[in-house]
Amino acid sequence: MDSEELHIAFLKAVDSINAHTEPFPADILLKLYAYYKRATNDQTSPNSSNPLIGAFKTNALFQSRNMDQDEAKRLYIEAVNRYFLYRK
């Protein structure tokens, strides 16, 4: 998959997550959060009104610190596909 195809697949995966109305498990949300931030090169600090949630977000970002954008996009897509596959 070339970079443009990867980006299109990533955007579709993001859309599917945003359209989903049921709650997600916390571990999935944290992975998606970290992958999304890396994939979009979002450098803003994690924020949350709950310090514990902020700490979990920071930890998820720390664990993904060596990821490049394309790898983060691939992992985001894989996580989305696995989540929806196993929900069936």
PDB file of N, CA and C in Angstrom:
ATOM      1  N   MET A   1       0.853  -1.169   0.000  1.00  0.00           N
ATOM      2  CA  MET A   1       0.000   0.000   0.000  1.00  0.00           C
ATOM      3  C   MET A   1       0.901   1.235   0.000  1.00  0.00           C
ATOM      4  N   ASP A   2       0.695   2.108  -0.983  1.00  0.00           N
ATOM      5  CA  ASP A   2       1.523   3.305  -1.015  1.00  0.00           C
ATOM      6  C   ASP A   2       1.007   4.328  -0.001  1.00  0.00           C
ATOM      7  N   SER A   3       1.724   5.415   0.143  1.00  0.00           N
ATOM      8  CA  SER A   3       1.424   6.403   1.173  1.00  0.00           C
ATOM      9  C   SER A   3       0.037   7.033   1.001  1.00  0.00           C
ATOM     10  N   GLU A   4      -0.351   7.297  -0.245  1.00  0.00           N
ATOM     11  CA  GLU A   4      -1.675   7.901  -0.479  1.00  0.00           C
ATOM     12  C   GLU A   4      -2.795   6.919  -0.142  1.00  0.00           C
ATOM     13  N   GLU A   5      -2.634   5.661  -0.538  1.00  0.00           N
ATOM     14  CA  GLU A   5      -3.632   4.631  -0.208  1.00  0.00           C
ATOM     15  C   GLU A   5      -3.730   4.442   1.308  1.00  0.00           C
ATOM     16  N   LEU A   6      -2.579   4.452   1.952  1.00  0.00           N
ATOM     17  CA  LEU A   6      -2.542   4.311   3.403  1.00  0.00           C
ATOM     18  C   LEU A   6      -3.290   5.467   4.068  1.00  0.00           C
ATOM     19  N   HIS A   7      -3.058   6.667   3.576  1.00  0.00           N
ATOM     20  CA  HIS A   7      -3.723   7.832   4.160  1.00  0.00           C
ATOM     21  C   HIS A   7      -5.249   7.749   3.973  1.00  0.00           C
ATOM     22  N   ILE A   8      -5.684   7.335   2.802  1.00  0.00           N
ATOM     23  CA  ILE A   8      -7.125   7.193   2.542  1.00  0.00           C
ATOM     24  C   ILE A   8      -7.730   6.125   3.458  1.00  0.00           C
ATOM     25  N   ALA A   9      -7.041   4.996   3.601  1.00  0.00           N
ATOM     26  CA  ALA A   9      -7.528   3.927   4.487  1.00  0.00           C
ATOM     27  C   ALA A   9      -7.565   4.415   5.934  1.00  0.00           C
ATOM     28  N   PHE A  10      -6.569   5.190   6.323  1.00  0.00           N
ATOM     29  CA  PHE A  10      -6.530   5.758   7.674  1.00  0.00           C
ATOM     30  C   PHE A  10      -7.736   6.667   7.910  1.00  0.00           C
ATOM     31  N   LEU A  11      -8.018   7.556   6.961  1.00  0.00           N
ATOM     32  CA  LEU A  11      -9.152   8.470   7.092  1.00  0.00           C
ATOM     33  C   LEU A  11     -10.474   7.715   7.182  1.00  0.00           C
ATOM     34  N   LYS A  12     -10.602   6.623   6.424  1.00  0.00           N
ATOM     35  CA  LYS A  12     -11.816   5.803   6.493  1.00  0.00           C
ATOM     36  C   LYS A  12     -11.938   5.146   7.866  1.00  0.00           C
ATOM     37  N   ALA A  13     -10.824   4.681   8.407  1.00  0.00           N
ATOM     38  CA  ALA A  13     -10.833   4.068   9.740  1.00  0.00           C
ATOM     39  C   ALA A  13     -11.226   5.102  10.796  1.00  0.00           C
ATOM     40  N   VAL A  14     -10.693   6.315  10.669  1.00  0.00           N
ATOM     41  CA  VAL A  14     -11.050   7.388  11.602  1.00  0.00           C
ATOM     42  C   VAL A  14     -12.547   7.677  11.509  1.00  0.00           C
ATOM     43  N   ASP A  15     -13.061   7.756  10.285  1.00  0.00           N
ATOM     44  CA  ASP A  15     -14.497   8.005  10.092  1.00  0.00           C
ATOM     45  C   ASP A  15     -15.339   6.909  10.733  1.00  0.00           C
ATOM     46  N   SER A  16     -14.905   5.659  10.598  1.00  0.00           N
ATOM     47  CA  SER A  16     -15.686   4.557  11.179  1.00  0.00           C
ATOM     48  C   SER A  16     -15.701   4.629  12.700  1.00  0.00           C
ATOM     49  N   ILE A  17     -14.601   5.064  13.289  1.00  0.00           N
ATOM     50  CA  ILE A  17     -14.552   5.222  14.745  1.00  0.00           C
ATOM     51  C   ILE A  17     -15.438   6.392  15.166  1.00  0.00           C
ATOM     52  N   ASN A  18     -15.357   7.487  14.450  1.00  0.00           N
ATOM     53  CA  ASN A  18     -16.161   8.662  14.804  1.00  0.00           C
ATOM     54  C   ASN A  18     -17.653   8.413  14.634  1.00  0.00           C
ATOM     55  N   ALA A  19     -18.036   7.526  13.712  1.00  0.00           N
ATOM     56  CA  ALA A  19     -19.448   7.234  13.474  1.00  0.00           C
ATOM     57  C   ALA A  19     -20.007   6.202  14.451  1.00  0.00           C
ATOM     58  N   HIS A  20     -19.136   5.491  15.127  1.00  0.00           N
ATOM     59  CA  HIS A  20     -19.548   4.442  16.063  1.00  0.00           C
ATOM     60  C   HIS A  20     -20.159   5.076  17.309  1.00  0.00           C
ATOM     61  N   THR A  21     -21.322   4.610  17.705  1.00  0.00           N
ATOM     62  CA  THR A  21     -22.031   5.261  18.817  1.00  0.00           C
ATOM     63  C   THR A  21     -21.920   4.526  20.148  1.00  0.00           C
ATOM     64  N   GLU A  22     -21.480   3.284  20.123  1.00  0.00           N
ATOM     65  CA  GLU A  22     -21.348   2.536  21.377  1.00  0.00           C
ATOM     66  C   GLU A  22     -20.013   2.862  22.044  1.00  0.00           C
ATOM     67  N   PRO A  23     -19.958   2.715  23.375  1.00  0.00           N
ATOM     68  CA  PRO A  23     -18.697   2.995  24.073  1.00  0.00           C
ATOM     69  C   PRO A  23     -17.601   1.994  23.683  1.00  0.00           C
ATOM     70  N   PHE A  24     -16.385   2.479  23.701  1.00  0.00           N
ATOM     71  CA  PHE A  24     -15.221   1.641  23.411  1.00  0.00           C
ATOM     72  C   PHE A  24     -14.551   1.237  24.712  1.00  0.00           C
ATOM     73  N   PRO A  25     -13.912   0.065  24.725  1.00  0.00           N
ATOM     74  CA  PRO A  25     -13.100  -0.306  25.890  1.00  0.00           C
ATOM     75  C   PRO A  25     -11.937   0.684  26.040  1.00  0.00           C
ATOM     76  N   ALA A  26     -11.569   0.974  27.265  1.00  0.00           N
ATOM     77  CA  ALA A  26     -10.530   1.963  27.541  1.00  0.00           C
ATOM     78  C   ALA A  26      -9.205   1.622  26.864  1.00  0.00           C
ATOM     79  N   ASP A  27      -8.827   0.340  26.830  1.00  0.00           N
ATOM     80  CA  ASP A  27      -7.543  -0.028  26.231  1.00  0.00           C
ATOM     81  C   ASP A  27      -7.531   0.263  24.738  1.00  0.00           C
ATOM     82  N   ILE A  28      -8.650   0.063  24.073  1.00  0.00           N
ATOM     83  CA  ILE A  28      -8.747   0.364  22.642  1.00  0.00           C
ATOM     84  C   ILE A  28      -8.659   1.872  22.426  1.00  0.00           C
ATOM     85  N   LEU A  29      -9.380   2.623  23.242  1.00  0.00           N
ATOM     86  CA  LEU A  29      -9.352   4.080  23.111  1.00  0.00           C
ATOM     87  C   LEU A  29      -7.948   4.642  23.282  1.00  0.00           C
ATOM     88  N   LEU A  30      -7.208   4.114  24.239  1.00  0.00           N
ATOM     89  CA  LEU A  30      -5.846   4.614  24.466  1.00  0.00           C
ATOM     90  C   LEU A  30      -4.931   4.299  23.287  1.00  0.00           C
ATOM     91  N   LYS A  31      -5.054   3.107  22.728  1.00  0.00           N
ATOM     92  CA  LYS A  31      -4.249   2.771  21.539  1.00  0.00           C
ATOM     93  C   LYS A  31      -4.607   3.686  20.383  1.00  0.00           C
ATOM     94  N   LEU A  32      -5.902   3.824  20.134  1.00  0.00           N
ATOM     95  CA  LEU A  32      -6.341   4.678  19.030  1.00  0.00           C
ATOM     96  C   LEU A  32      -5.886   6.117  19.238  1.00  0.00           C
ATOM     97  N   TYR A  33      -5.953   6.573  20.463  1.00  0.00           N
ATOM     98  CA  TYR A  33      -5.512   7.929  20.796  1.00  0.00           C
ATOM     99  C   TYR A  33      -4.037   8.116  20.428  1.00  0.00           C
ATOM    100  N   ALA A  34      -3.197   7.206  20.897  1.00  0.00           N
ATOM    101  CA  ALA A  34      -1.754   7.325  20.648  1.00  0.00           C
ATOM    102  C   ALA A  34      -1.448   7.187  19.161  1.00  0.00           C
ATOM    103  N   TYR A  35      -2.046   6.213  18.492  1.00  0.00           N
ATOM    104  CA  TYR A  35      -1.796   6.036  17.062  1.00  0.00           C
ATOM    105  C   TYR A  35      -2.250   7.254  16.273  1.00  0.00           C
ATOM    106  N   TYR A  36      -3.417   7.789  16.624  1.00  0.00           N
ATOM    107  CA  TYR A  36      -3.943   8.964  15.915  1.00  0.00           C
ATOM    108  C   TYR A  36      -3.007  10.158  16.090  1.00  0.00           C
ATOM    109  N   LYS A  37      -2.574  10.392  17.313  1.00  0.00           N
ATOM    110  CA  LYS A  37      -1.678  11.530  17.575  1.00  0.00           C
ATOM    111  C   LYS A  37      -0.380  11.382  16.787  1.00  0.00           C
ATOM    112  N   ARG A  38       0.168  10.162  16.728  1.00  0.00           N
ATOM    113  CA  ARG A  38       1.403   9.943  15.965  1.00  0.00           C
ATOM    114  C   ARG A  38       1.146  10.046  14.462  1.00  0.00           C
ATOM    115  N   ALA A  39       0.029   9.494  14.007  1.00  0.00           N
ATOM    116  CA  ALA A  39      -0.290   9.493  12.572  1.00  0.00           C
ATOM    117  C   ALA A  39      -0.517  10.899  12.043  1.00  0.00           C
ATOM    118  N   THR A  40      -1.057  11.764  12.885  1.00  0.00           N
ATOM    119  CA  THR A  40      -1.352  13.134  12.453  1.00  0.00           C
ATOM    120  C   THR A  40      -0.274  14.121  12.901  1.00  0.00           C
ATOM    121  N   ASN A  41       0.749  13.603  13.548  1.00  0.00           N
ATOM    122  CA  ASN A  41       1.851  14.426  14.058  1.00  0.00           C
ATOM    123  C   ASN A  41       1.347  15.538  14.975  1.00  0.00           C
ATOM    124  N   ASP A  42       0.363  15.217  15.769  1.00  0.00           N
ATOM    125  CA  ASP A  42      -0.230  16.160  16.723  1.00  0.00           C
ATOM    126  C   ASP A  42       0.683  16.243  17.942  1.00  0.00           C
ATOM    127  N   GLN A  43       1.284  17.395  18.129  1.00  0.00           N
ATOM    128  CA  GLN A  43       2.260  17.585  19.206  1.00  0.00           C
ATOM    129  C   GLN A  43       1.664  18.167  20.485  1.00  0.00           C
ATOM    130  N   THR A  44       0.350  18.397  20.498  1.00  0.00           N
ATOM    131  CA  THR A  44      -0.254  18.972  21.698  1.00  0.00           C
ATOM    132  C   THR A  44      -0.199  17.978  22.849  1.00  0.00           C
ATOM    133  N   SER A  45      -0.083  18.506  24.031  1.00  0.00           N
ATOM    134  CA  SER A  45      -0.019  17.661  25.229  1.00  0.00           C
ATOM    135  C   SER A  45      -1.390  17.054  25.515  1.00  0.00           C
ATOM    136  N   PRO A  46      -1.385  15.842  26.068  1.00  0.00           N
ATOM    137  CA  PRO A  46      -2.663  15.236  26.453  1.00  0.00           C
ATOM    138  C   PRO A  46      -3.339  16.102  27.510  1.00  0.00           C
ATOM    139  N   ASN A  47      -4.640  16.230  27.378  1.00  0.00           N
ATOM    140  CA  ASN A  47      -5.353  16.979  28.405  1.00  0.00           C
ATOM    141  C   ASN A  47      -6.600  16.213  28.799  1.00  0.00           C
ATOM    142  N   SER A  48      -6.961  16.379  30.025  1.00  0.00           N
ATOM    143  CA  SER A  48      -8.155  15.741  30.550  1.00  0.00           C
ATOM    144  C   SER A  48      -8.483  16.408  31.873  1.00  0.00           C
ATOM    145  N   SER A  49      -9.761  16.497  32.172  1.00  0.00           N
ATOM    146  CA  SER A  49     -10.148  17.046  33.474  1.00  0.00           C
ATOM    147  C   SER A  49      -9.834  16.052  34.585  1.00  0.00           C
ATOM    148  N   ASN A  50      -9.618  14.786  34.199  1.00  0.00           N
ATOM    149  CA  ASN A  50      -9.279  13.739  35.163  1.00  0.00           C
ATOM    150  C   ASN A  50      -7.777  13.452  35.067  1.00  0.00           C
ATOM    151  N   PRO A  51      -7.014  13.725  36.131  1.00  0.00           N
ATOM    152  CA  PRO A  51      -5.559  13.506  36.082  1.00  0.00           C
ATOM    153  C   PRO A  51      -5.170  12.062  35.750  1.00  0.00           C
ATOM    154  N   LEU A  52      -5.960  11.103  36.180  1.00  0.00           N
ATOM    155  CA  LEU A  52      -5.647   9.704  35.900  1.00  0.00           C
ATOM    156  C   LEU A  52      -5.749   9.419  34.399  1.00  0.00           C
ATOM    157  N   ILE A  53      -6.780   9.932  33.761  1.00  0.00           N
ATOM    158  CA  ILE A  53      -6.930   9.751  32.315  1.00  0.00           C
ATOM    159  C   ILE A  53      -5.784  10.438  31.587  1.00  0.00           C
ATOM    160  N   GLY A  54      -5.415  11.630  32.033  1.00  0.00           N
ATOM    161  CA  GLY A  54      -4.268  12.330  31.440  1.00  0.00           C
ATOM    162  C   GLY A  54      -2.991  11.514  31.557  1.00  0.00           C
ATOM    163  N   ALA A  55      -2.811  10.854  32.686  1.00  0.00           N
ATOM    164  CA  ALA A  55      -1.621  10.014  32.889  1.00  0.00           C
ATOM    165  C   ALA A  55      -1.638   8.811  31.946  1.00  0.00           C
ATOM    166  N   PHE A  56      -2.807   8.196  31.767  1.00  0.00           N
ATOM    167  CA  PHE A  56      -2.906   7.062  30.841  1.00  0.00           C
ATOM    168  C   PHE A  56      -2.619   7.505  29.404  1.00  0.00           C
ATOM    169  N   LYS A  57      -3.120   8.672  29.022  1.00  0.00           N
ATOM    170  CA  LYS A  57      -2.859   9.187  27.670  1.00  0.00           C
ATOM    171  C   LYS A  57      -1.364   9.445  27.486  1.00  0.00           C
ATOM    172  N   THR A  58      -0.756  10.051  28.485  1.00  0.00           N
ATOM    173  CA  THR A  58       0.680  10.331  28.414  1.00  0.00           C
ATOM    174  C   THR A  58       1.463   9.033  28.273  1.00  0.00           C
ATOM    175  N   ASN A  59       1.080   8.013  29.027  1.00  0.00           N
ATOM    176  CA  ASN A  59       1.754   6.719  28.953  1.00  0.00           C
ATOM    177  C   ASN A  59       1.582   6.093  27.567  1.00  0.00           C
ATOM    178  N   ALA A  60       0.376   6.176  27.005  1.00  0.00           N
ATOM    179  CA  ALA A  60       0.136   5.620  25.668  1.00  0.00           C
ATOM    180  C   ALA A  60       1.010   6.322  24.636  1.00  0.00           C
ATOM    181  N   LEU A  61       1.134   7.636  24.751  1.00  0.00           N
ATOM    182  CA  LEU A  61       1.998   8.378  23.829  1.00  0.00           C
ATOM    183  C   LEU A  61       3.465   7.992  24.019  1.00  0.00           C
ATOM    184  N   PHE A  62       3.867   7.826  25.267  1.00  0.00           N
ATOM    185  CA  PHE A  62       5.246   7.428  25.550  1.00  0.00           C
ATOM    186  C   PHE A  62       5.564   6.080  24.910  1.00  0.00           C
ATOM    187  N   GLN A  63       4.627   5.138  24.995  1.00  0.00           N
ATOM    188  CA  GLN A  63       4.841   3.814  24.428  1.00  0.00           C
ATOM    189  C   GLN A  63       4.921   3.840  22.901  1.00  0.00           C
ATOM    190  N   SER A  64       4.353   4.865  22.283  1.00  0.00           N
ATOM    191  CA  SER A  64       4.370   4.950  20.821  1.00  0.00           C
ATOM    192  C   SER A  64       5.397   5.972  20.316  1.00  0.00           C
ATOM    193  N   ARG A  65       6.300   6.391  21.167  1.00  0.00           N
ATOM    194  CA  ARG A  65       7.207   7.500  20.860  1.00  0.00           C
ATOM    195  C   ARG A  65       8.119   7.264  19.659  1.00  0.00           C
ATOM    196  N   ASN A  66       8.472   6.037  19.351  1.00  0.00           N
ATOM    197  CA  ASN A  66       9.402   5.767  18.247  1.00  0.00           C
ATOM    198  C   ASN A  66       8.703   5.452  16.934  1.00  0.00           C
ATOM    199  N   MET A  67       7.412   5.644  16.879  1.00  0.00           N
ATOM    200  CA  MET A  67       6.608   5.318  15.707  1.00  0.00           C
ATOM    201  C   MET A  67       6.639   6.457  14.689  1.00  0.00           C
ATOM    202  N   ASP A  68       6.793   6.110  13.411  1.00  0.00           N
ATOM    203  CA  ASP A  68       6.646   7.152  12.399  1.00  0.00           C
ATOM    204  C   ASP A  68       5.177   7.238  11.981  1.00  0.00           C
ATOM    205  N   GLN A  69       4.841   8.237  11.183  1.00  0.00           N
ATOM    206  CA  GLN A  69       3.451   8.484  10.828  1.00  0.00           C
ATOM    207  C   GLN A  69       2.819   7.310  10.080  1.00  0.00           C
ATOM    208  N   ASP A  70       3.519   6.741   9.124  1.00  0.00           N
ATOM    209  CA  ASP A  70       2.949   5.633   8.361  1.00  0.00           C
ATOM    210  C   ASP A  70       2.710   4.401   9.232  1.00  0.00           C
ATOM    211  N   GLU A  71       3.644   4.110  10.119  1.00  0.00           N
ATOM    212  CA  GLU A  71       3.465   2.972  11.024  1.00  0.00           C
ATOM    213  C   GLU A  71       2.257   3.208  11.935  1.00  0.00           C
ATOM    214  N   ALA A  72       2.112   4.427  12.434  1.00  0.00           N
ATOM    215  CA  ALA A  72       0.978   4.750  13.295  1.00  0.00           C
ATOM    216  C   ALA A  72      -0.340   4.610  12.535  1.00  0.00           C
ATOM    217  N   LYS A  73      -0.357   5.028  11.279  1.00  0.00           N
ATOM    218  CA  LYS A  73      -1.569   4.876  10.461  1.00  0.00           C
ATOM    219  C   LYS A  73      -1.906   3.403  10.279  1.00  0.00           C
ATOM    220  N   ARG A  74      -0.901   2.593   9.967  1.00  0.00           N
ATOM    221  CA  ARG A  74      -1.130   1.151   9.792  1.00  0.00           C
ATOM    222  C   ARG A  74      -1.671   0.518  11.072  1.00  0.00           C
ATOM    223  N   LEU A  75      -1.062   0.855  12.186  1.00  0.00           N
ATOM    224  CA  LEU A  75      -1.498   0.284  13.466  1.00  0.00           C
ATOM    225  C   LEU A  75      -2.895   0.761  13.844  1.00  0.00           C
ATOM    226  N   TYR A  76      -3.221   2.003  13.530  1.00  0.00           N
ATOM    227  CA  TYR A  76      -4.565   2.514  13.783  1.00  0.00           C
ATOM    228  C   TYR A  76      -5.582   1.716  12.976  1.00  0.00           C
ATOM    229  N   ILE A  77      -5.305   1.541  11.690  1.00  0.00           N
ATOM    230  CA  ILE A  77      -6.201   0.780  10.804  1.00  0.00           C
ATOM    231  C   ILE A  77      -6.360  -0.645  11.317  1.00  0.00           C
ATOM    232  N   GLU A  78      -5.263  -1.287  11.685  1.00  0.00           N
ATOM    233  CA  GLU A  78      -5.316  -2.661  12.197  1.00  0.00           C
ATOM    234  C   GLU A  78      -6.147  -2.736  13.478  1.00  0.00           C
ATOM    235  N   ALA A  79      -5.963  -1.794  14.378  1.00  0.00           N
ATOM    236  CA  ALA A  79      -6.718  -1.795  15.643  1.00  0.00           C
ATOM    237  C   ALA A  79      -8.212  -1.620  15.375  1.00  0.00           C
ATOM    238  N   VAL A  80      -8.560  -0.746  14.450  1.00  0.00           N
ATOM    239  CA  VAL A  80      -9.969  -0.532  14.098  1.00  0.00           C
ATOM    240  C   VAL A  80     -10.546  -1.804  13.485  1.00  0.00           C
ATOM    241  N   ASN A  81      -9.830  -2.385  12.544  1.00  0.00           N
ATOM    242  CA  ASN A  81     -10.313  -3.603  11.885  1.00  0.00           C
ATOM    243  C   ASN A  81     -10.485  -4.745  12.879  1.00  0.00           C
ATOM    244  N   ARG A  82      -9.529  -4.923  13.783  1.00  0.00           N
ATOM    245  CA  ARG A  82      -9.633  -5.972  14.806  1.00  0.00           C
ATOM    246  C   ARG A  82     -10.829  -5.719  15.712  1.00  0.00           C
ATOM    247  N   TYR A  83     -11.008  -4.471  16.125  1.00  0.00           N
ATOM    248  CA  TYR A  83     -12.114  -4.151  17.028  1.00  0.00           C
ATOM    249  C   TYR A  83     -13.452  -4.509  16.376  1.00  0.00           C
ATOM    250  N   PHE A  84     -13.667  -4.063  15.157  1.00  0.00           N
ATOM    251  CA  PHE A  84     -14.949  -4.322  14.506  1.00  0.00           C
ATOM    252  C   PHE A  84     -15.103  -5.788  14.107  1.00  0.00           C
ATOM    253  N   LEU A  85     -14.023  -6.472  13.793  1.00  0.00           N
ATOM    254  CA  LEU A  85     -14.077  -7.887  13.445  1.00  0.00           C
ATOM    255  C   LEU A  85     -14.514  -8.726  14.653  1.00  0.00           C
ATOM    256  N   TYR A  86     -13.931  -8.427  15.817  1.00  0.00           N
ATOM    257  CA  TYR A  86     -14.213  -9.239  16.998  1.00  0.00           C
ATOM    258  C   TYR A  86     -15.535  -8.888  17.661  1.00  0.00           C
ATOM    259  N   ARG A  87     -16.147  -7.802  17.260  1.00  0.00           N
ATOM    260  CA  ARG A  87     -17.443  -7.423  17.823  1.00  0.00           C
ATOM    261  C   ARG A  87     -18.578  -8.192  17.158  1.00  0.00           C
ATOM    262  N   LYS A  88     -18.327  -8.771  16.002  1.00  0.00           N
ATOM    263  CA  LYS A  88     -19.386  -9.463  15.256  1.00  0.00           C
ATOM    264  C   LYS A  88     -19.799 -10.731  15.937  1.00  0.00           C
TER     265      LYS A  88
END
